[in-house]
Amino acid sequence: MTKLTGITTELMVDDMEKSIDFYREVLGFKIILSEPKSDPFFVILQNGKVDLMLYQRKQFAEEIPSFKKIPVGGSIALYIGVENITSFFDDIKSKVKIIQPLHKTGYGSVEFSCEDYNGYLLMFHEGN
């Protein structure tokens, strides 16, 4: 059987500029690739070991036609590990829509969740 070597999430967005601003300014991501360089429709962002791709709806739907009718945001949740979750939560809680406040789970993880600019659910955790 083929061994899988990784996974990177690619999110469809309606407003690339505002989406980039959210991930850079609120979550500290850096752009590692932008296509094209000016007024991009596709970017790869990175923060530590986390890579994330953003793809403008128009161009994504040209590549994958079934995406024309799919709403942005919705039924995806990104589960992202962080260090020092309490101070991270304190740093961003006034900049995002908190869905679930900081709490300890029954399986020993400390978590909180929020929405990004497009309505995607971001679940941050530290521990298990």
Foldseek 3Di string as FASTA:
>chain_A
DDDDDDDEEEFEDADVVQQVCQCCVLVNWDWPDFVPPPPGQWTWIDDVPHIYIYGYQVVVCVVVVVSVPDAGAPDAEAEAEDPPVVVSCVRRVVPFAWPADFDADPVGKTWTWTATPRHHIYIYIYDD
